[in-house]
């Protein structure tokens, strides 16, 4: 039988090291960005959102409502700031509403 390690690690620490070792951080960031968008924008905006995509520090949001797209365009800087604060690092520098 194999010997058991006596070191105890927090699950969060183990997950972080697994993600880092297997180069999964980009994929995890994309999932977290989608969750942050839903959390910050609320159900009203999310119901008109078709796709949330992160490409090279550009957050691309596909919306089904041209009126909502116009309204959100006035607060792009605020949205970028809120997303970066939610993520805990500066992942987004540009926001495209399409």
PDB file of N, CA and C in Angstrom:
ATOM      1  N   UNK A   1       0.841  -1.188   0.000  1.00  0.00           N
ATOM      2  CA  UNK A   1       0.000   0.000   0.000  1.00  0.00           C
ATOM      3  C   UNK A   1       0.874   1.235   0.000  1.00  0.00           C
ATOM      4  N   UNK A   2       0.373   2.265  -0.640  1.00  0.00           N
ATOM      5  CA  UNK A   2       1.143   3.505  -0.689  1.00  0.00           C
ATOM      6  C   UNK A   2       0.995   4.275   0.608  1.00  0.00           C
ATOM      7  N   UNK A   3       2.004   5.047   0.858  1.00  0.00           N
ATOM      8  CA  UNK A   3       2.035   5.834   2.080  1.00  0.00           C
ATOM      9  C   UNK A   3       1.233   7.112   1.891  1.00  0.00           C
ATOM     10  N   UNK A   4       0.509   7.478   2.894  1.00  0.00           N
ATOM     11  CA  UNK A   4      -0.322   8.672   2.845  1.00  0.00           C
ATOM     12  C   UNK A   4       0.475   9.891   3.253  1.00  0.00           C
ATOM     13  N   UNK A   5       0.256  11.006   2.533  1.00  0.00           N
ATOM     14  CA  UNK A   5       0.950  12.233   2.896  1.00  0.00           C
ATOM     15  C   UNK A   5       0.245  12.886   4.074  1.00  0.00           C
ATOM     16  N   UNK A   6       1.013  13.418   4.993  1.00  0.00           N
ATOM     17  CA  UNK A   6       0.445  14.031   6.177  1.00  0.00           C
ATOM     18  C   UNK A   6       0.209  15.527   6.014  1.00  0.00           C
ATOM     19  N   UNK A   7       0.630  16.081   4.886  1.00  0.00           N
ATOM     20  CA  UNK A   7       0.416  17.501   4.664  1.00  0.00           C
ATOM     21  C   UNK A   7      -1.056  17.750   4.377  1.00  0.00           C
ATOM     22  N   UNK A   8      -1.602  18.764   5.030  1.00  0.00           N
ATOM     23  CA  UNK A   8      -2.993  19.105   4.753  1.00  0.00           C
ATOM     24  C   UNK A   8      -3.023  20.438   4.012  1.00  0.00           C
ATOM     25  N   UNK A   9      -3.740  20.454   2.908  1.00  0.00           N
ATOM     26  CA  UNK A   9      -3.851  21.652   2.078  1.00  0.00           C
ATOM     27  C   UNK A   9      -5.322  22.010   1.942  1.00  0.00           C
ATOM     28  N   UNK A  10      -5.576  23.285   1.846  1.00  0.00           N
ATOM     29  CA  UNK A  10      -6.941  23.730   1.623  1.00  0.00           C
ATOM     30  C   UNK A  10      -7.347  23.373   0.194  1.00  0.00           C
ATOM     31  N   UNK A  11      -8.618  23.069   0.024  1.00  0.00           N
ATOM     32  CA  UNK A  11      -9.121  22.711  -1.309  1.00  0.00           C
ATOM     33  C   UNK A  11      -8.864  23.839  -2.292  1.00  0.00           C
ATOM     34  N   UNK A  12      -9.048  25.084  -1.881  1.00  0.00           N
ATOM     35  CA  UNK A  12      -8.812  26.224  -2.761  1.00  0.00           C
ATOM     36  C   UNK A  12      -7.382  26.269  -3.260  1.00  0.00           C
ATOM     37  N   UNK A  13      -6.440  25.996  -2.368  1.00  0.00           N
ATOM     38  CA  UNK A  13      -5.022  25.987  -2.748  1.00  0.00           C
ATOM     39  C   UNK A  13      -4.727  24.858  -3.731  1.00  0.00           C
ATOM     40  N   UNK A  14      -5.318  23.712  -3.494  1.00  0.00           N
ATOM     41  CA  UNK A  14      -5.114  22.581  -4.401  1.00  0.00           C
ATOM     42  C   UNK A  14      -5.691  22.880  -5.782  1.00  0.00           C
ATOM     43  N   UNK A  15      -6.867  23.504  -5.828  1.00  0.00           N
ATOM     44  CA  UNK A  15      -7.489  23.842  -7.111  1.00  0.00           C
ATOM     45  C   UNK A  15      -6.638  24.854  -7.872  1.00  0.00           C
ATOM     46  N   UNK A  16      -6.137  25.861  -7.172  1.00  0.00           N
ATOM     47  CA  UNK A  16      -5.292  26.870  -7.814  1.00  0.00           C
ATOM     48  C   UNK A  16      -4.034  26.244  -8.409  1.00  0.00           C
ATOM     49  N   UNK A  17      -3.404  25.352  -7.656  1.00  0.00           N
ATOM     50  CA  UNK A  17      -2.187  24.730  -8.169  1.00  0.00           C
ATOM     51  C   UNK A  17      -2.505  23.801  -9.344  1.00  0.00           C
ATOM     52  N   UNK A  18      -3.635  23.104  -9.294  1.00  0.00           N
ATOM     53  CA  UNK A  18      -4.044  22.236 -10.411  1.00  0.00           C
ATOM     54  C   UNK A  18      -4.295  23.064 -11.669  1.00  0.00           C
ATOM     55  N   UNK A  19      -4.998  24.180 -11.510  1.00  0.00           N
ATOM     56  CA  UNK A  19      -5.298  25.062 -12.649  1.00  0.00           C
ATOM     57  C   UNK A  19      -4.011  25.610 -13.243  1.00  0.00           C
ATOM     58  N   UNK A  20      -3.081  26.006 -12.390  1.00  0.00           N
ATOM     59  CA  UNK A  20      -1.812  26.570 -12.862  1.00  0.00           C
ATOM     60  C   UNK A  20      -0.967  25.515 -13.574  1.00  0.00           C
ATOM     61  N   UNK A  21      -0.872  24.322 -13.005  1.00  0.00           N
ATOM     62  CA  UNK A  21      -0.051  23.265 -13.582  1.00  0.00           C
ATOM     63  C   UNK A  21      -0.576  22.791 -14.934  1.00  0.00           C
ATOM     64  N   UNK A  22      -1.879  22.837 -15.122  1.00  0.00           N
ATOM     65  CA  UNK A  22      -2.484  22.328 -16.348  1.00  0.00           C
ATOM     66  C   UNK A  22      -2.868  23.435 -17.332  1.00  0.00           C
ATOM     67  N   UNK A  23      -2.356  24.638 -17.117  1.00  0.00           N
ATOM     68  CA  UNK A  23      -2.605  25.780 -18.006  1.00  0.00           C
ATOM     69  C   UNK A  23      -4.089  26.002 -18.289  1.00  0.00           C
ATOM     70  N   UNK A  24      -4.883  26.002 -17.254  1.00  0.00           N
ATOM     71  CA  UNK A  24      -6.328  26.187 -17.383  1.00  0.00           C
ATOM     72  C   UNK A  24      -6.784  27.583 -16.966  1.00  0.00           C
ATOM     73  N   UNK A  25      -5.857  28.474 -16.668  1.00  0.00           N
ATOM     74  CA  UNK A  25      -6.232  29.777 -16.123  1.00  0.00           C
ATOM     75  C   UNK A  25      -7.039  30.617 -17.101  1.00  0.00           C
ATOM     76  N   UNK A  26      -6.716  30.563 -18.393  1.00  0.00           N
ATOM     77  CA  UNK A  26      -7.464  31.346 -19.396  1.00  0.00           C
ATOM     78  C   UNK A  26      -8.924  30.899 -19.442  1.00  0.00           C
ATOM     79  N   UNK A  27      -9.144  29.610 -19.460  1.00  0.00           N
ATOM     80  CA  UNK A  27     -10.504  29.074 -19.490  1.00  0.00           C
ATOM     81  C   UNK A  27     -11.281  29.421 -18.244  1.00  0.00           C
ATOM     82  N   UNK A  28     -10.621  29.361 -17.115  1.00  0.00           N
ATOM     83  CA  UNK A  28     -11.281  29.705 -15.855  1.00  0.00           C
ATOM     84  C   UNK A  28     -11.630  31.189 -15.824  1.00  0.00           C
ATOM     85  N   UNK A  29     -10.752  32.031 -16.358  1.00  0.00           N
ATOM     86  CA  UNK A  29     -11.037  33.469 -16.411  1.00  0.00           C
ATOM     87  C   UNK A  29     -12.260  33.749 -17.264  1.00  0.00           C
ATOM     88  N   UNK A  30     -12.397  33.037 -18.365  1.00  0.00           N
ATOM     89  CA  UNK A  30     -13.560  33.235 -19.232  1.00  0.00           C
ATOM     90  C   UNK A  30     -14.851  32.880 -18.501  1.00  0.00           C
ATOM     91  N   UNK A  31     -14.817  31.792 -17.753  1.00  0.00           N
ATOM     92  CA  UNK A  31     -15.996  31.404 -16.980  1.00  0.00           C
ATOM     93  C   UNK A  31     -16.296  32.428 -15.885  1.00  0.00           C
ATOM     94  N   UNK A  32     -15.259  32.896 -15.221  1.00  0.00           N
ATOM     95  CA  UNK A  32     -15.444  33.863 -14.147  1.00  0.00           C
ATOM     96  C   UNK A  32     -15.955  35.199 -14.684  1.00  0.00           C
ATOM     97  N   UNK A  33     -15.511  35.597 -15.865  1.00  0.00           N
ATOM     98  CA  UNK A  33     -15.988  36.831 -16.493  1.00  0.00           C
ATOM     99  C   UNK A  33     -17.490  36.725 -16.764  1.00  0.00           C
ATOM    100  N   UNK A  34     -17.924  35.592 -17.289  1.00  0.00           N
ATOM    101  CA  UNK A  34     -19.349  35.394 -17.557  1.00  0.00           C
ATOM    102  C   UNK A  34     -20.162  35.485 -16.269  1.00  0.00           C
ATOM    103  N   UNK A  35     -19.667  34.863 -15.214  1.00  0.00           N
ATOM    104  CA  UNK A  35     -20.353  34.910 -13.923  1.00  0.00           C
ATOM    105  C   UNK A  35     -20.374  36.329 -13.365  1.00  0.00           C
ATOM    106  N   UNK A  36     -19.274  37.054 -13.515  1.00  0.00           N
ATOM    107  CA  UNK A  36     -19.204  38.439 -13.039  1.00  0.00           C
ATOM    108  C   UNK A  36     -20.197  39.314 -13.805  1.00  0.00           C
ATOM    109  N   UNK A  37     -20.312  39.121 -15.121  1.00  0.00           N
ATOM    110  CA  UNK A  37     -21.254  39.894 -15.935  1.00  0.00           C
ATOM    111  C   UNK A  37     -22.687  39.676 -15.425  1.00  0.00           C
ATOM    112  N   UNK A  38     -23.038  38.415 -15.188  1.00  0.00           N
ATOM    113  CA  UNK A  38     -24.375  38.101 -14.701  1.00  0.00           C
ATOM    114  C   UNK A  38     -24.625  38.718 -13.331  1.00  0.00           C
ATOM    115  N   UNK A  39     -23.640  38.634 -12.467  1.00  0.00           N
ATOM    116  CA  UNK A  39     -23.783  39.156 -11.107  1.00  0.00           C
ATOM    117  C   UNK A  39     -23.908  40.678 -11.099  1.00  0.00           C
ATOM    118  N   UNK A  40     -23.057  41.349 -11.876  1.00  0.00           N
ATOM    119  CA  UNK A  40     -23.014  42.807 -11.845  1.00  0.00           C
ATOM    120  C   UNK A  40     -24.143  43.468 -12.632  1.00  0.00           C
ATOM    121  N   UNK A  41     -24.553  42.875 -13.738  1.00  0.00           N
ATOM    122  CA  UNK A  41     -25.543  43.506 -14.618  1.00  0.00           C
ATOM    123  C   UNK A  41     -26.981  43.181 -14.231  1.00  0.00           C
ATOM    124  N   UNK A  42     -27.192  42.090 -13.574  1.00  0.00           N
ATOM    125  CA  UNK A  42     -28.539  41.735 -13.150  1.00  0.00           C
ATOM    126  C   UNK A  42     -29.322  41.000 -14.227  1.00  0.00           C
ATOM    127  N   UNK A  43     -30.473  40.481 -13.823  1.00  0.00           N
ATOM    128  CA  UNK A  43     -31.271  39.637 -14.702  1.00  0.00           C
ATOM    129  C   UNK A  43     -31.818  40.394 -15.907  1.00  0.00           C
ATOM    130  N   UNK A  44     -32.142  41.669 -15.755  1.00  0.00           N
ATOM    131  CA  UNK A  44     -32.681  42.451 -16.865  1.00  0.00           C
ATOM    132  C   UNK A  44     -31.724  42.530 -18.041  1.00  0.00           C
ATOM    133  N   UNK A  45     -30.463  42.805 -17.779  1.00  0.00           N
ATOM    134  CA  UNK A  45     -29.461  42.907 -18.839  1.00  0.00           C
ATOM    135  C   UNK A  45     -29.078  41.518 -19.348  1.00  0.00           C
ATOM    136  N   UNK A  46     -28.957  40.564 -18.435  1.00  0.00           N
ATOM    137  CA  UNK A  46     -28.554  39.208 -18.812  1.00  0.00           C
ATOM    138  C   UNK A  46     -29.573  38.575 -19.761  1.00  0.00           C
ATOM    139  N   UNK A  47     -30.844  38.912 -19.599  1.00  0.00           N
ATOM    140  CA  UNK A  47     -31.863  38.324 -20.476  1.00  0.00           C
ATOM    141  C   UNK A  47     -31.702  38.788 -21.928  1.00  0.00           C
ATOM    142  N   UNK A  48     -31.045  39.927 -22.146  1.00  0.00           N
ATOM    143  CA  UNK A  48     -30.780  40.420 -23.500  1.00  0.00           C
ATOM    144  C   UNK A  48     -29.357  40.114 -23.974  1.00  0.00           C
ATOM    145  N   UNK A  49     -28.588  39.388 -23.169  1.00  0.00           N
ATOM    146  CA  UNK A  49     -27.202  39.064 -23.499  1.00  0.00           C
ATOM    147  C   UNK A  49     -27.147  37.713 -24.194  1.00  0.00           C
ATOM    148  N   UNK A  50     -26.549  37.688 -25.387  1.00  0.00           N
ATOM    149  CA  UNK A  50     -26.386  36.433 -26.123  1.00  0.00           C
ATOM    150  C   UNK A  50     -25.060  35.764 -25.810  1.00  0.00           C
ATOM    151  N   UNK A  51     -23.993  36.565 -25.722  1.00  0.00           N
ATOM    152  CA  UNK A  51     -22.663  35.984 -25.543  1.00  0.00           C
ATOM    153  C   UNK A  51     -21.760  36.950 -24.795  1.00  0.00           C
ATOM    154  N   UNK A  52     -20.938  36.393 -23.916  1.00  0.00           N
ATOM    155  CA  UNK A  52     -19.906  37.147 -23.201  1.00  0.00           C
ATOM    156  C   UNK A  52     -18.590  36.465 -23.535  1.00  0.00           C
ATOM    157  N   UNK A  53     -17.660  37.233 -24.109  1.00  0.00           N
ATOM    158  CA  UNK A  53     -16.407  36.639 -24.590  1.00  0.00           C
ATOM    159  C   UNK A  53     -15.245  37.556 -24.232  1.00  0.00           C
ATOM    160  N   UNK A  54     -14.142  36.975 -23.778  1.00  0.00           N
ATOM    161  CA  UNK A  54     -12.933  37.726 -23.460  1.00  0.00           C
ATOM    162  C   UNK A  54     -11.849  37.351 -24.457  1.00  0.00           C
ATOM    163  N   UNK A  55     -11.334  38.370 -25.179  1.00  0.00           N
ATOM    164  CA  UNK A  55     -10.245  38.151 -26.131  1.00  0.00           C
ATOM    165  C   UNK A  55      -9.206  39.249 -25.958  1.00  0.00           C
ATOM    166  N   UNK A  56      -8.021  38.878 -25.533  1.00  0.00           N
ATOM    167  CA  UNK A  56      -6.900  39.825 -25.413  1.00  0.00           C
ATOM    168  C   UNK A  56      -7.276  41.109 -24.698  1.00  0.00           C
ATOM    169  N   UNK A  57      -7.781  40.982 -23.498  1.00  0.00           N
ATOM    170  CA  UNK A  57      -8.175  42.123 -22.659  1.00  0.00           C
ATOM    171  C   UNK A  57      -9.352  42.920 -23.218  1.00  0.00           C
ATOM    172  N   UNK A  58     -10.041  42.384 -24.222  1.00  0.00           N
ATOM    173  CA  UNK A  58     -11.238  43.018 -24.766  1.00  0.00           C
ATOM    174  C   UNK A  58     -12.434  42.146 -24.420  1.00  0.00           C
ATOM    175  N   UNK A  59     -13.397  42.723 -23.728  1.00  0.00           N
ATOM    176  CA  UNK A  59     -14.619  42.017 -23.376  1.00  0.00           C
ATOM    177  C   UNK A  59     -15.655  42.317 -24.450  1.00  0.00           C
ATOM    178  N   UNK A  60     -16.109  41.266 -25.120  1.00  0.00           N
ATOM    179  CA  UNK A  60     -17.065  41.402 -26.211  1.00  0.00           C
ATOM    180  C   UNK A  60     -18.416  40.887 -25.716  1.00  0.00           C
ATOM    181  N   UNK A  61     -19.403  41.779 -25.736  1.00  0.00           N
ATOM    182  CA  UNK A  61     -20.742  41.439 -25.276  1.00  0.00           C
ATOM    183  C   UNK A  61     -21.688  41.522 -26.463  1.00  0.00           C
ATOM    184  N   UNK A  62     -22.363  40.408 -26.781  1.00  0.00           N
ATOM    185  CA  UNK A  62     -23.353  40.401 -27.850  1.00  0.00           C
ATOM    186  C   UNK A  62     -24.730  40.548 -27.215  1.00  0.00           C
ATOM    187  N   UNK A  63     -25.426  41.607 -27.619  1.00  0.00           N
ATOM    188  CA  UNK A  63     -26.747  41.918 -27.067  1.00  0.00           C
ATOM    189  C   UNK A  63     -27.809  41.812 -28.151  1.00  0.00           C
ATOM    190  N   UNK A  64     -29.038  41.480 -27.738  1.00  0.00           N
ATOM    191  CA  UNK A  64     -30.142  41.380 -28.689  1.00  0.00           C
ATOM    192  C   UNK A  64     -30.937  42.679 -28.780  1.00  0.00           C
ATOM    193  N   UNK A  65     -30.670  43.631 -27.889  1.00  0.00           N
ATOM    194  CA  UNK A  65     -31.416  44.880 -27.867  1.00  0.00           C
ATOM    195  C   UNK A  65     -30.515  46.059 -28.223  1.00  0.00           C
ATOM    196  N   UNK A  66     -30.860  46.763 -29.301  1.00  0.00           N
ATOM    197  CA  UNK A  66     -30.069  47.927 -29.700  1.00  0.00           C
ATOM    198  C   UNK A  66     -30.230  49.067 -28.696  1.00  0.00           C
ATOM    199  N   UNK A  67     -31.384  49.172 -28.066  1.00  0.00           N
ATOM    200  CA  UNK A  67     -31.623  50.223 -27.063  1.00  0.00           C
ATOM    201  C   UNK A  67     -30.724  49.982 -25.853  1.00  0.00           C
ATOM    202  N   UNK A  68     -30.670  48.762 -25.382  1.00  0.00           N
ATOM    203  CA  UNK A  68     -29.808  48.422 -24.250  1.00  0.00           C
ATOM    204  C   UNK A  68     -28.343  48.631 -24.607  1.00  0.00           C
ATOM    205  N   UNK A  69     -27.945  48.271 -25.825  1.00  0.00           N
ATOM    206  CA  UNK A  69     -26.571  48.474 -26.283  1.00  0.00           C
ATOM    207  C   UNK A  69     -26.193  49.944 -26.190  1.00  0.00           C
ATOM    208  N   UNK A  70     -27.090  50.808 -26.618  1.00  0.00           N
ATOM    209  CA  UNK A  70     -26.848  52.254 -26.570  1.00  0.00           C
ATOM    210  C   UNK A  70     -26.747  52.743 -25.124  1.00  0.00           C
ATOM    211  N   UNK A  71     -27.632  52.274 -24.273  1.00  0.00           N
ATOM    212  CA  UNK A  71     -27.608  52.678 -22.862  1.00  0.00           C
ATOM    213  C   UNK A  71     -26.312  52.249 -22.179  1.00  0.00           C
ATOM    214  N   UNK A  72     -25.898  51.016 -22.420  1.00  0.00           N
ATOM    215  CA  UNK A  72     -24.677  50.509 -21.790  1.00  0.00           C
ATOM    216  C   UNK A  72     -23.428  51.196 -22.335  1.00  0.00           C
ATOM    217  N   UNK A  73     -23.488  51.668 -23.562  1.00  0.00           N
ATOM    218  CA  UNK A  73     -22.316  52.316 -24.160  1.00  0.00           C
ATOM    219  C   UNK A  73     -21.939  53.595 -23.417  1.00  0.00           C
ATOM    220  N   UNK A  74     -22.906  54.226 -22.747  1.00  0.00           N
ATOM    221  CA  UNK A  74     -22.601  55.440 -21.980  1.00  0.00           C
ATOM    222  C   UNK A  74     -21.782  55.140 -20.724  1.00  0.00           C
ATOM    223  N   UNK A  75     -21.836  53.912 -20.244  1.00  0.00           N
ATOM    224  CA  UNK A  75     -21.125  53.572 -19.011  1.00  0.00           C
ATOM    225  C   UNK A  75     -20.034  52.546 -19.190  1.00  0.00           C
ATOM    226  N   UNK A  76     -19.397  52.527 -20.350  1.00  0.00           N
ATOM    227  CA  UNK A  76     -18.372  51.513 -20.631  1.00  0.00           C
ATOM    228  C   UNK A  76     -17.249  51.517 -19.603  1.00  0.00           C
ATOM    229  N   UNK A  77     -16.732  52.687 -19.281  1.00  0.00           N
ATOM    230  CA  UNK A  77     -15.612  52.778 -18.329  1.00  0.00           C
ATOM    231  C   UNK A  77     -16.011  52.237 -16.959  1.00  0.00           C
ATOM    232  N   UNK A  78     -17.222  52.555 -16.529  1.00  0.00           N
ATOM    233  CA  UNK A  78     -17.717  52.081 -15.239  1.00  0.00           C
ATOM    234  C   UNK A  78     -17.862  50.554 -15.246  1.00  0.00           C
ATOM    235  N   UNK A  79     -18.364  50.005 -16.343  1.00  0.00           N
ATOM    236  CA  UNK A  79     -18.532  48.552 -16.464  1.00  0.00           C
ATOM    237  C   UNK A  79     -17.172  47.858 -16.418  1.00  0.00           C
ATOM    238  N   UNK A  80     -16.191  48.395 -17.146  1.00  0.00           N
ATOM    239  CA  UNK A  80     -14.836  47.826 -17.145  1.00  0.00           C
ATOM    240  C   UNK A  80     -14.271  47.837 -15.727  1.00  0.00           C
ATOM    241  N   UNK A  81     -14.433  48.948 -15.039  1.00  0.00           N
ATOM    242  CA  UNK A  81     -13.929  49.081 -13.674  1.00  0.00           C
ATOM    243  C   UNK A  81     -14.605  48.066 -12.745  1.00  0.00           C
ATOM    244  N   UNK A  82     -15.915  47.912 -12.857  1.00  0.00           N
ATOM    245  CA  UNK A  82     -16.650  46.972 -12.001  1.00  0.00           C
ATOM    246  C   UNK A  82     -16.232  45.525 -12.264  1.00  0.00           C
ATOM    247  N   UNK A  83     -16.058  45.174 -13.530  1.00  0.00           N
ATOM    248  CA  UNK A  83     -15.646  43.805 -13.882  1.00  0.00           C
ATOM    249  C   UNK A  83     -14.255  43.520 -13.327  1.00  0.00           C
ATOM    250  N   UNK A  84     -13.327  44.461 -13.509  1.00  0.00           N
ATOM    251  CA  UNK A  84     -11.957  44.263 -13.007  1.00  0.00           C
ATOM    252  C   UNK A  84     -11.932  44.155 -11.491  1.00  0.00           C
ATOM    253  N   UNK A  85     -12.741  44.953 -10.802  1.00  0.00           N
ATOM    254  CA  UNK A  85     -12.806  44.861  -9.344  1.00  0.00           C
ATOM    255  C   UNK A  85     -13.354  43.507  -8.915  1.00  0.00           C
ATOM    256  N   UNK A  86     -14.375  43.045  -9.613  1.00  0.00           N
ATOM    257  CA  UNK A  86     -14.973  41.747  -9.288  1.00  0.00           C
ATOM    258  C   UNK A  86     -13.976  40.611  -9.513  1.00  0.00           C
ATOM    259  N   UNK A  87     -13.173  40.715 -10.559  1.00  0.00           N
ATOM    260  CA  UNK A  87     -12.202  39.672 -10.877  1.00  0.00           C
ATOM    261  C   UNK A  87     -10.947  39.757  -9.999  1.00  0.00           C
ATOM    262  N   UNK A  88     -10.686  40.908  -9.428  1.00  0.00           N
ATOM    263  CA  UNK A  88      -9.525  41.059  -8.563  1.00  0.00           C
ATOM    264  C   UNK A  88      -8.230  41.359  -9.295  1.00  0.00           C
ATOM    265  N   UNK A  89      -8.311  41.565 -10.589  1.00  0.00           N
ATOM    266  CA  UNK A  89      -7.143  41.937 -11.394  1.00  0.00           C
ATOM    267  C   UNK A  89      -7.641  42.620 -12.671  1.00  0.00           C
ATOM    268  N   UNK A  90      -6.729  43.295 -13.357  1.00  0.00           N
ATOM    269  CA  UNK A  90      -7.131  44.018 -14.563  1.00  0.00           C
ATOM    270  C   UNK A  90      -7.092  43.085 -15.773  1.00  0.00           C
ATOM    271  N   UNK A  91      -8.213  42.456 -16.034  1.00  0.00           N
ATOM    272  CA  UNK A  91      -8.335  41.543 -17.179  1.00  0.00           C
ATOM    273  C   UNK A  91      -8.920  42.242 -18.385  1.00  0.00           C
ATOM    274  N   UNK A  92      -9.721  43.276 -18.166  1.00  0.00           N
ATOM    275  CA  UNK A  92     -10.442  43.947 -19.242  1.00  0.00           C
ATOM    276  C   UNK A  92      -9.937  45.368 -19.370  1.00  0.00           C
ATOM    277  N   UNK A  93      -9.547  45.759 -20.586  1.00  0.00           N
ATOM    278  CA  UNK A  93      -9.148  47.141 -20.826  1.00  0.00           C
ATOM    279  C   UNK A  93     -10.061  47.810 -21.848  1.00  0.00           C
ATOM    280  N   UNK A  94     -10.852  47.002 -22.580  1.00  0.00           N
ATOM    281  CA  UNK A  94     -11.733  47.541 -23.618  1.00  0.00           C
ATOM    282  C   UNK A  94     -13.033  46.746 -23.606  1.00  0.00           C
ATOM    283  N   UNK A  95     -14.152  47.438 -23.865  1.00  0.00           N
ATOM    284  CA  UNK A  95     -15.447  46.803 -23.909  1.00  0.00           C
ATOM    285  C   UNK A  95     -16.105  47.056 -25.259  1.00  0.00           C
ATOM    286  N   UNK A  96     -16.486  45.977 -25.938  1.00  0.00           N
ATOM    287  CA  UNK A  96     -17.196  46.087 -27.209  1.00  0.00           C
ATOM    288  C   UNK A  96     -18.614  45.568 -27.016  1.00  0.00           C
ATOM    289  N   UNK A  97     -19.586  46.394 -27.361  1.00  0.00           N
ATOM    290  CA  UNK A  97     -20.980  45.994 -27.297  1.00  0.00           C
ATOM    291  C   UNK A  97     -21.470  45.801 -28.722  1.00  0.00           C
ATOM    292  N   UNK A  98     -21.800  44.588 -29.093  1.00  0.00           N
ATOM    293  CA  UNK A  98     -22.236  44.298 -30.460  1.00  0.00           C
ATOM    294  C   UNK A  98     -23.598  43.629 -30.457  1.00  0.00           C
TER     295      UNK A  98
END
